[in-house]
Amino acid sequence: MSEKSEAQPPSIAVLNEGGPWGGGSGGDDGDGANSPWNQAPRRKPGGSGGRSALDELLRRGRERFGGPGAPEPDTRKIASFAAIGLVLVWLIWTSMHQIDPQQRGVVTRLGSYAGILQPGMRFSFPAPIDVVTKIDVEDIRVKDIGSTSANDQNLVLTGDQNIIDLAYSVRWNIRDPELYLYQLADPDDTVGEVAESAMRAEVARVSLNDAIGPQRSQIEARVAQRMQEILDSYRSGIAVQGVAIKQADPPAKVNDAFKSVSAAQQEAQTYLNQARAYSQQLGAKAEGEAAAFDKVYAQYRLAPEVTRRRMYYETMERVLAKTDKTVVEAPGVVPYLALPPAAAKGTPAQ
């Protein structure tokens, strides 16, 4: 029994010695360093402290977009890129020009006229070197002069020293964009002033009746021609399309009296027209009777006696047709006494 109590089990001795992989932590021989239980975890070569590839990707993204750990952004570089972008947009925007079919583009280079851009996609130097002004050359503009309102009168003197109230309009468009932009300070006002001058000059050559009546169309044509001549002398680049008189009346204060005179003139003209029509009717009737007489005379020359007798009978028939008498020339015949007119009309005898 004593021998058994002094001896230790072999398994416990092995554990105390460090197990099958070497001595324990208290061993002096250093064999415990080779034990897997005493070694630190291995890392991949070039690793980042045990971080995975996903963690590394997320870290780089945070740094790029200003997250925690990202470097401060370079504001100067960003501002320079933005300025370059704005300059490029400005160059493209001011160099390309879409000209519509009814438009023309007037180009000024450093303040001086440089040319005309035709319809289509056109290019020029960027602003402020080239400046393009688009002008609609087919649009018909209308300038109204005078008014149909009684409170706003445009009085014009006629050739016979009368006064009329005129209201008219002028239609015009742009013929030369360069001259239209740079030759006149205010082309619209110039058109109105030239129209008024030309109208007064033409109305001063006609009478009041002609101005308000039969010669209005001729006045319009002459005013348009005179306006075009004046505008061409100004080198305005404007083409006059026409003039239309909308109102040509006497002044409002004498308008009623003028209407009475005009009505009397129209009535007199009506009587004259009726007299001319009656005269033409009588003339046509006389010409017809003369032609009939010529035909009778031609027959008379062929048989004078027969023609005379026939003419006598026809004349007596027309004369006695409206009488109640009957003439009997045969001998031995009792003359016929016509009944009274009352009996002829069917009234009963008393």
Protein backbone atom coordinates (compact mmCIF):
# COMPACT_ATOMS: atom_id res chain seq x y z
CA MET A 1 0.00 0.00 0.00
CA SER A 2 2.82 2.42 0.74
CA GLU A 3 4.38 1.82 -2.64
CA LYS A 4 1.15 2.64 -4.40
CA SER A 5 0.60 5.90 -2.49
CA GLU A 6 4.09 7.23 -3.30
CA ALA A 7 3.75 6.67 -7.03
CA GLN A 8 1.71 9.22 -9.25
CA PRO A 9 -0.47 8.32 -12.21
CA PRO A 10 1.32 8.70 -15.51
CA SER A 11 -1.48 10.82 -17.01
CA ILE A 12 -1.16 13.52 -14.41
CA ALA A 13 2.62 13.57 -14.84
CA VAL A 14 2.18 14.08 -18.56
CA LEU A 15 -0.18 17.06 -18.01
CA ASN A 16 2.26 18.66 -15.65
CA GLU A 17 5.01 18.33 -18.20
CA GLY A 18 3.02 20.31 -20.73
CA GLY A 19 1.15 17.63 -22.54
CA PRO A 20 2.14 15.91 -25.70
CA TRP A 21 3.06 19.21 -27.44
CA GLY A 22 5.75 20.14 -24.96
CA GLY A 23 6.21 21.52 -21.53
CA GLY A 24 3.80 23.79 -19.76
CA SER A 25 4.12 27.47 -19.20
CA GLY A 26 6.34 26.79 -16.24
CA GLY A 27 8.83 24.75 -18.26
CA ASP A 28 12.39 25.94 -18.52
CA ASP A 29 13.24 24.33 -21.83
CA GLY A 30 11.22 26.81 -24.07
CA ASP A 31 9.42 24.07 -25.90
CA GLY A 32 6.01 25.69 -25.06
CA ALA A 33 6.49 28.37 -27.69
CA ASN A 34 5.84 25.82 -30.38
CA SER A 35 2.43 25.01 -28.97
CA PRO A 36 -0.55 26.23 -31.08
CA TRP A 37 -2.18 27.38 -27.90
CA ASN A 38 0.63 29.81 -27.12
CA GLN A 39 1.04 31.35 -30.70
CA ALA A 40 -0.62 34.66 -31.96
CA PRO A 41 -2.96 34.47 -35.01
CA ARG A 42 -1.20 34.63 -38.35
CA ARG A 43 -1.74 37.66 -40.76
CA LYS A 44 -1.64 37.82 -44.55
CA PRO A 45 1.39 39.44 -46.07
CA GLY A 46 0.79 43.16 -46.70
CA GLY A 47 -2.40 43.04 -44.63
CA SER A 48 -3.88 46.01 -42.77
CA GLY A 49 -4.10 44.93 -39.25
CA GLY A 50 -6.61 42.16 -39.80
CA ARG A 51 -9.06 44.26 -41.93
CA SER A 52 -10.83 42.58 -44.83
CA ALA A 53 -10.94 43.82 -48.45
CA LEU A 54 -14.47 45.14 -47.93
CA ASP A 55 -13.38 47.19 -44.94
CA GLU A 56 -10.50 48.62 -46.91
CA LEU A 57 -12.84 49.58 -49.82
CA LEU A 58 -15.25 51.32 -47.45
CA ARG A 59 -12.41 53.23 -45.82
CA ARG A 60 -11.18 54.52 -49.16
CA GLY A 61 -14.70 55.58 -50.16
CA ARG A 62 -15.13 57.57 -46.96
CA GLU A 63 -11.84 59.28 -47.54
CA ARG A 64 -12.77 60.18 -51.13
CA PHE A 65 -16.18 61.65 -50.30
CA GLY A 66 -15.20 63.58 -47.28
CA GLY A 67 -16.03 61.07 -44.63
CA PRO A 68 -14.18 60.57 -41.37
CA GLY A 69 -10.53 60.33 -42.04
CA ALA A 70 -10.72 62.04 -45.47
CA PRO A 71 -8.23 64.79 -46.33
CA GLU A 72 -9.39 68.42 -46.65
CA PRO A 73 -10.70 69.22 -50.26
CA ASP A 74 -8.67 71.58 -52.48
CA THR A 75 -11.10 74.51 -52.99
CA ARG A 76 -8.81 76.29 -55.41
CA LYS A 77 -8.78 73.31 -57.76
CA ILE A 78 -12.57 72.97 -57.61
CA ALA A 79 -13.06 76.69 -58.33
CA SER A 80 -10.70 76.52 -61.28
CA PHE A 81 -12.56 73.56 -62.79
CA ALA A 82 -15.91 75.36 -62.34
CA ALA A 83 -14.57 78.51 -64.00
CA ILE A 84 -13.22 76.53 -66.95
CA GLY A 85 -16.61 74.83 -67.37
CA LEU A 86 -18.47 78.13 -67.34
CA VAL A 87 -16.11 79.59 -69.91
CA LEU A 88 -16.60 76.60 -72.23
CA VAL A 89 -20.40 76.86 -71.92
CA TRP A 90 -20.24 80.60 -72.62
CA LEU A 91 -18.06 80.08 -75.71
CA ILE A 92 -20.38 77.44 -77.15
CA TRP A 93 -23.56 79.37 -76.33
CA THR A 94 -22.40 82.64 -77.91
CA SER A 95 -20.76 81.03 -80.97
CA MET A 96 -23.71 78.97 -82.28
CA HIS A 97 -26.76 80.78 -83.73
CA GLN A 98 -30.00 79.28 -85.08
CA ILE A 99 -31.40 81.69 -87.70
CA ASP A 100 -35.04 81.07 -88.66
CA PRO A 101 -36.14 81.28 -92.34
CA GLN A 102 -37.81 84.67 -91.82
CA GLN A 103 -34.83 86.08 -89.93
CA ARG A 104 -31.41 87.51 -90.72
CA GLY A 105 -28.53 87.79 -88.26
CA VAL A 106 -26.61 91.07 -88.20
CA VAL A 107 -23.04 90.51 -86.92
CA THR A 108 -21.04 93.25 -85.24
CA ARG A 109 -17.39 92.52 -84.48
CA LEU A 110 -15.89 94.67 -81.76
CA GLY A 111 -18.65 97.23 -82.37
CA SER A 112 -18.33 97.36 -86.18
CA TYR A 113 -20.60 95.79 -88.77
CA ALA A 114 -19.15 92.46 -89.96
CA GLY A 115 -21.82 90.77 -92.09
CA ILE A 116 -25.21 89.07 -92.35
CA LEU A 117 -25.99 85.51 -91.25
CA GLN A 118 -28.42 83.68 -93.53
CA PRO A 119 -31.08 81.21 -92.25
CA GLY A 120 -29.78 77.97 -90.73
CA MET A 121 -27.26 76.96 -88.06
CA ARG A 122 -24.50 79.57 -88.21
CA PHE A 123 -21.31 80.18 -86.21
CA SER A 124 -19.39 83.28 -85.21
CA PHE A 125 -16.71 84.34 -82.80
CA PRO A 126 -17.86 84.21 -79.19
CA ALA A 127 -19.10 87.25 -77.36
CA PRO A 128 -18.02 89.91 -76.71
CA ILE A 129 -15.96 89.69 -79.92
CA ASP A 130 -19.02 89.08 -82.12
CA VAL A 131 -22.57 90.12 -81.24
CA VAL A 132 -25.44 88.75 -83.39
CA THR A 133 -28.78 90.59 -83.59
CA LYS A 134 -31.66 88.64 -85.16
CA ILE A 135 -34.05 90.69 -87.34
CA ASP A 136 -37.38 89.47 -88.75
CA VAL A 137 -37.42 90.70 -92.36
CA GLU A 138 -40.78 89.17 -93.39
CA ASP A 139 -42.97 90.52 -90.60
CA ILE A 140 -45.42 93.15 -91.91
CA ARG A 141 -45.51 96.03 -89.44
CA VAL A 142 -48.45 98.47 -89.30
CA LYS A 143 -48.24 102.14 -88.36
CA ASP A 144 -51.60 103.82 -87.58
CA ILE A 145 -51.89 107.59 -88.03
CA GLY A 146 -54.98 109.46 -86.88
CA SER A 147 -57.98 107.94 -85.15
CA THR A 148 -61.60 107.23 -85.98
CA SER A 149 -62.58 108.73 -82.62
CA ALA A 150 -64.21 112.16 -82.67
CA ASN A 151 -62.04 113.30 -79.77
CA ASP A 152 -58.77 112.67 -81.59
CA GLN A 153 -58.80 114.37 -85.00
CA ASN A 154 -56.08 114.50 -87.64
CA LEU A 155 -57.03 117.59 -89.68
CA VAL A 156 -55.56 117.94 -93.18
CA LEU A 157 -55.98 120.84 -95.61
CA THR A 158 -57.23 120.03 -99.13
CA GLY A 159 -56.45 121.76 -102.40
CA ASP A 160 -59.71 123.77 -102.38
CA GLN A 161 -59.03 125.19 -98.88
CA ASN A 162 -61.26 122.72 -97.04
CA ILE A 163 -60.36 120.62 -94.01
CA ILE A 164 -60.91 116.89 -93.59
CA ASP A 165 -60.26 114.49 -90.74
CA LEU A 166 -58.00 111.68 -91.98
CA ALA A 167 -57.20 108.33 -90.38
CA TYR A 168 -54.96 105.91 -92.28
CA SER A 169 -52.44 103.11 -91.76
CA VAL A 170 -49.09 102.24 -93.34
CA ARG A 171 -47.86 98.67 -93.89
CA TRP A 172 -44.09 98.16 -94.12
CA ASN A 173 -41.34 95.63 -93.53
CA ILE A 174 -37.54 95.52 -93.30
CA ARG A 175 -35.67 95.22 -96.59
CA ASP A 176 -32.06 95.76 -95.45
CA PRO A 177 -31.35 94.76 -91.80
CA GLU A 178 -28.00 96.56 -91.69
CA LEU A 179 -29.46 99.93 -92.71
CA TYR A 180 -32.52 99.43 -90.51
CA LEU A 181 -30.38 98.93 -87.39
CA TYR A 182 -27.65 101.49 -87.85
CA GLN A 183 -28.86 104.20 -90.26
CA LEU A 184 -31.87 105.64 -88.38
CA ALA A 185 -32.12 106.36 -84.66
CA ASP A 186 -35.84 105.46 -84.45
CA PRO A 187 -37.16 103.77 -87.63
CA ASP A 188 -40.75 103.38 -86.36
CA ASP A 189 -41.18 107.09 -85.63
CA THR A 190 -39.49 107.94 -88.93
CA VAL A 191 -42.04 105.88 -90.86
CA GLY A 192 -44.89 107.74 -89.14
CA GLU A 193 -43.42 111.17 -89.82
CA VAL A 194 -42.70 110.37 -93.47
CA ALA A 195 -46.23 108.99 -93.94
CA GLU A 196 -47.83 112.12 -92.49
CA SER A 197 -45.70 114.39 -94.65
CA ALA A 198 -46.47 112.44 -97.84
CA MET A 199 -50.22 112.31 -97.08
CA ARG A 200 -50.49 116.06 -96.47
CA ALA A 201 -48.61 116.76 -99.70
CA GLU A 202 -50.94 114.57 -101.75
CA VAL A 203 -54.20 115.75 -100.16
CA ALA A 204 -53.17 119.36 -100.81
CA ARG A 205 -53.32 118.58 -104.54
CA VAL A 206 -56.96 117.40 -104.66
CA SER A 207 -60.35 118.84 -103.75
CA LEU A 208 -62.48 117.87 -100.80
CA ASN A 209 -64.89 115.80 -102.89
CA ASP A 210 -62.04 113.89 -104.52
CA ALA A 211 -60.34 113.25 -101.17
CA ILE A 212 -63.43 111.72 -99.59
CA GLY A 213 -64.75 110.03 -102.70
CA PRO A 214 -63.52 108.77 -106.04
CA GLN A 215 -59.77 109.44 -105.76
CA ARG A 216 -59.02 107.76 -102.45
CA SER A 217 -57.32 104.78 -104.11
CA GLN A 218 -55.16 107.06 -106.28
CA ILE A 219 -54.16 109.08 -103.21
CA GLU A 220 -53.14 105.90 -101.38
CA ALA A 221 -50.95 104.75 -104.27
CA ARG A 222 -49.25 108.16 -104.65
CA VAL A 223 -48.60 108.41 -100.89
CA ALA A 224 -46.97 104.97 -100.84
CA GLN A 225 -44.75 105.90 -103.79
CA ARG A 226 -43.73 109.22 -102.24
CA MET A 227 -42.96 107.53 -98.90
CA GLN A 228 -40.72 104.96 -100.58
CA GLU A 229 -38.77 107.67 -102.36
CA ILE A 230 -38.19 109.61 -99.13
CA LEU A 231 -37.19 106.51 -97.13
CA ASP A 232 -34.79 105.44 -99.88
CA SER A 233 -33.15 108.86 -99.74
CA TYR A 234 -32.68 108.31 -95.98
CA ARG A 235 -31.12 104.85 -96.66
CA SER A 236 -33.52 103.43 -94.09
CA GLY A 237 -33.65 99.82 -95.34
CA ILE A 238 -37.50 99.90 -95.16
CA ALA A 239 -39.94 98.78 -97.86
CA VAL A 240 -43.45 100.33 -97.91
CA GLN A 241 -46.07 97.70 -98.69
CA GLY A 242 -49.12 99.95 -98.89
CA VAL A 243 -51.24 102.77 -97.45
CA ALA A 244 -54.92 102.40 -96.52
CA ILE A 245 -57.23 105.36 -95.75
CA LYS A 246 -59.66 104.25 -93.05
CA GLN A 247 -61.53 107.55 -92.60
CA ALA A 248 -61.85 110.75 -94.63
CA ASP A 249 -64.56 112.96 -93.09
CA PRO A 250 -65.05 116.69 -92.54
CA PRO A 251 -64.43 118.03 -89.02
CA ALA A 252 -66.94 117.01 -86.38
CA LYS A 253 -68.33 120.55 -85.95
CA VAL A 254 -69.49 120.77 -89.58
CA ASN A 255 -70.10 117.09 -90.14
CA ASP A 256 -73.92 117.35 -89.95
CA ALA A 257 -74.08 120.22 -92.42
CA PHE A 258 -71.67 118.44 -94.70
CA LYS A 259 -73.84 115.32 -94.63
CA SER A 260 -76.88 117.40 -95.64
CA VAL A 261 -74.98 118.89 -98.56
CA SER A 262 -73.73 115.46 -99.56
CA ALA A 263 -77.29 114.07 -99.45
CA ALA A 264 -78.55 116.92 -101.67
CA GLN A 265 -75.75 116.30 -104.13
CA GLN A 266 -76.59 112.61 -104.27
CA GLU A 267 -80.29 113.42 -104.84
CA ALA A 268 -79.41 115.79 -107.67
CA GLN A 269 -77.20 113.15 -109.19
CA THR A 270 -80.11 110.69 -108.99
CA TYR A 271 -82.40 113.08 -110.92
CA LEU A 272 -79.72 113.60 -113.54
CA ASN A 273 -79.35 109.85 -113.98
CA GLN A 274 -83.12 109.45 -114.39
CA ALA A 275 -83.23 112.24 -117.00
CA ARG A 276 -80.42 110.63 -118.94
CA ALA A 277 -82.21 107.28 -118.86
CA TYR A 278 -85.48 108.84 -120.16
CA SER A 279 -83.60 110.67 -122.90
CA GLN A 280 -81.95 107.45 -124.00
CA GLN A 281 -85.35 105.71 -124.02
CA LEU A 282 -86.93 108.37 -126.24
CA GLY A 283 -83.97 108.33 -128.55
CA ALA A 284 -84.20 104.57 -128.97
CA LYS A 285 -87.97 104.82 -129.68
CA ALA A 286 -87.43 107.53 -132.32
CA GLU A 287 -84.73 105.48 -133.96
CA GLY A 288 -87.13 102.50 -134.11
CA GLU A 289 -89.93 104.59 -135.69
CA ALA A 290 -87.50 106.01 -138.24
CA ALA A 291 -86.37 102.53 -139.19
CA ALA A 292 -90.03 101.44 -139.61
CA PHE A 293 -90.77 104.47 -141.78
CA ASP A 294 -87.81 103.64 -143.98
CA LYS A 295 -89.25 100.18 -144.55
CA VAL A 296 -92.70 101.62 -145.44
CA TYR A 297 -91.14 104.10 -147.82
CA ALA A 298 -89.31 101.29 -149.58
CA GLN A 299 -92.69 99.51 -150.14
CA TYR A 300 -94.34 102.77 -151.18
CA ARG A 301 -91.85 103.23 -153.98
CA LEU A 302 -92.71 99.79 -155.33
CA ALA A 303 -96.55 100.32 -155.26
CA PRO A 304 -97.53 103.91 -154.42
CA GLU A 305 -101.31 103.59 -154.84
CA VAL A 306 -101.69 100.42 -152.84
CA THR A 307 -99.44 101.73 -150.13
CA ARG A 308 -101.35 105.04 -149.85
CA ARG A 309 -104.68 103.24 -149.51
CA ARG A 310 -103.28 100.86 -146.94
CA MET A 311 -101.81 103.72 -144.93
CA TYR A 312 -105.16 105.55 -145.09
CA TYR A 313 -107.06 102.54 -143.79
CA GLU A 314 -104.64 101.89 -141.01
CA THR A 315 -104.71 105.54 -139.95
CA MET A 316 -108.51 105.73 -139.93
CA GLU A 317 -108.64 102.49 -137.99
CA ARG A 318 -106.46 103.95 -135.27
CA VAL A 319 -108.49 107.20 -135.19
CA LEU A 320 -111.98 105.67 -135.15
CA ALA A 321 -111.14 102.76 -132.91
CA LYS A 322 -112.11 104.71 -129.79
CA THR A 323 -115.41 106.17 -131.13
CA ASP A 324 -118.96 104.73 -131.14
CA LYS A 325 -119.78 105.70 -134.72
CA THR A 326 -120.01 103.45 -137.73
CA VAL A 327 -119.73 104.96 -141.21
CA VAL A 328 -121.36 103.07 -144.09
CA GLU A 329 -120.66 104.40 -147.59
CA ALA A 330 -122.50 101.75 -149.68
CA PRO A 331 -125.48 103.20 -151.64
CA GLY A 332 -129.02 101.99 -150.80
CA VAL A 333 -128.12 100.88 -147.29
CA VAL A 334 -129.88 102.41 -144.31
CA PRO A 335 -127.27 104.02 -142.05
CA TYR A 336 -126.73 102.23 -138.75
CA LEU A 337 -127.48 104.32 -135.68
CA ALA A 338 -125.24 103.37 -132.86
CA LEU A 339 -126.87 102.76 -129.48
CA PRO A 340 -126.07 105.05 -126.59
CA PRO A 341 -122.88 104.33 -124.69
CA ALA A 342 -124.91 103.04 -121.72
CA ALA A 343 -126.53 100.38 -123.85
CA ALA A 344 -123.16 99.49 -125.30
CA LYS A 345 -121.89 98.89 -121.77
CA GLY A 346 -124.78 96.50 -120.98
CA THR A 347 -126.97 98.74 -118.74
CA PRO A 348 -130.74 97.90 -118.80
CA ALA A 349 -133.01 100.17 -120.94
CA GLN A 350 -135.53 102.40 -119.16
